[in-house]
Amino acid sequence: MRAPQLAARHRAAARGERTALADRVHGELAAELPDEDLGQDLDDCLDTYVLGSKPRCEEVEYLELVQEAIDRIERGR
């Protein structure tokens, strides 16, 4: 197999792994926050969140969990 084909195959595999990881992390977060409508894009969850819309302790937990999930996806773990 030629180098360009190998590189393309490697990129496709890496994209698939990132997608699988993102799906897994998103699923874990949804299980931790079953009453939340997280949507597909976790960054949007943070961007559109209205501060003060939850009791303070719930708000802190929610924001930390969503940010942690985003960080896990970015780190690839």
Protein backbone atom coordinates (compact mmCIF):
# COMPACT_ATOMS: atom_id res chain seq x y z
CA MET A 1 0.00 0.00 0.00
CA ARG A 2 1.29 3.44 -0.84
CA ALA A 3 2.09 6.06 1.78
CA PRO A 4 -0.81 8.43 0.90
CA GLN A 5 -3.28 5.57 1.21
CA LEU A 6 -1.82 4.53 4.56
CA ALA A 7 -1.98 8.09 5.83
CA ALA A 8 -5.60 8.44 4.72
CA ARG A 9 -6.51 5.15 6.36
CA HIS A 10 -4.75 6.23 9.57
CA ARG A 11 -6.62 9.58 9.63
CA ALA A 12 -9.94 7.82 9.09
CA ALA A 13 -9.22 5.40 11.93
CA ALA A 14 -8.24 8.26 14.24
CA ARG A 15 -11.47 10.13 13.42
CA GLY A 16 -13.45 7.01 14.17
CA GLU A 17 -11.70 6.58 17.51
CA ARG A 18 -12.33 10.23 18.45
CA THR A 19 -15.99 9.89 17.52
CA ALA A 20 -16.34 6.70 19.54
CA LEU A 21 -14.65 8.35 22.53
CA ALA A 22 -16.87 11.43 22.27
CA ASP A 23 -19.97 9.23 22.08
CA ARG A 24 -18.86 7.20 25.10
CA VAL A 25 -18.04 10.27 27.21
CA HIS A 26 -21.30 11.94 26.18
CA GLY A 27 -23.20 8.80 27.18
CA GLU A 28 -21.48 8.67 30.55
CA LEU A 29 -22.31 12.32 31.15
CA ALA A 30 -25.93 11.76 30.16
CA ALA A 31 -26.09 8.90 32.67
CA GLU A 32 -24.71 11.18 35.40
CA LEU A 33 -27.13 13.96 34.48
CA PRO A 34 -30.28 12.09 33.41
CA ASP A 35 -32.58 15.10 33.81
CA GLU A 36 -30.52 17.34 31.54
CA ASP A 37 -31.00 17.87 27.82
CA LEU A 38 -27.33 17.94 26.87
CA GLY A 39 -27.60 18.12 23.12
CA GLN A 40 -24.85 16.78 20.91
CA ASP A 41 -22.32 19.59 21.33
CA LEU A 42 -21.12 19.89 24.92
CA ASP A 43 -19.47 23.25 24.22
CA ASP A 44 -22.95 24.56 23.39
CA CYS A 45 -24.14 23.36 26.80
CA LEU A 46 -21.66 25.67 28.44
CA ASP A 47 -22.15 28.52 25.99
CA THR A 48 -25.92 28.57 26.34
CA TYR A 49 -26.12 27.82 30.05
CA VAL A 50 -27.79 30.59 32.04
CA LEU A 51 -25.98 31.19 35.31
CA GLY A 52 -28.32 31.08 38.26
CA SER A 53 -30.83 28.81 36.54
CA LYS A 54 -30.11 26.01 39.02
CA PRO A 55 -29.46 25.97 42.74
CA ARG A 56 -25.81 26.89 43.31
CA CYS A 57 -24.58 23.42 44.33
CA GLU A 58 -26.31 21.79 41.34
CA GLU A 59 -25.00 24.48 39.04
CA VAL A 60 -21.41 23.97 40.13
CA GLU A 61 -21.69 20.20 39.73
CA TYR A 62 -23.32 20.50 36.30
CA LEU A 63 -20.74 22.93 34.96
CA GLU A 64 -17.84 20.89 36.34
CA LEU A 65 -19.15 17.63 34.89
CA VAL A 66 -19.72 19.13 31.45
CA GLN A 67 -16.29 20.79 31.41
CA GLU A 68 -14.65 17.58 32.59
CA ALA A 69 -16.34 15.65 29.77
CA ILE A 70 -15.16 18.22 27.22
CA ASP A 71 -11.62 18.00 28.60
CA ARG A 72 -11.67 14.18 28.46
CA ILE A 73 -12.70 14.26 24.82
CA GLU A 74 -10.01 16.80 23.97
CA ARG A 75 -7.35 14.75 25.78
CA GLY A 76 -8.56 11.62 24.05
CA ARG A 77 -9.23 9.65 27.24
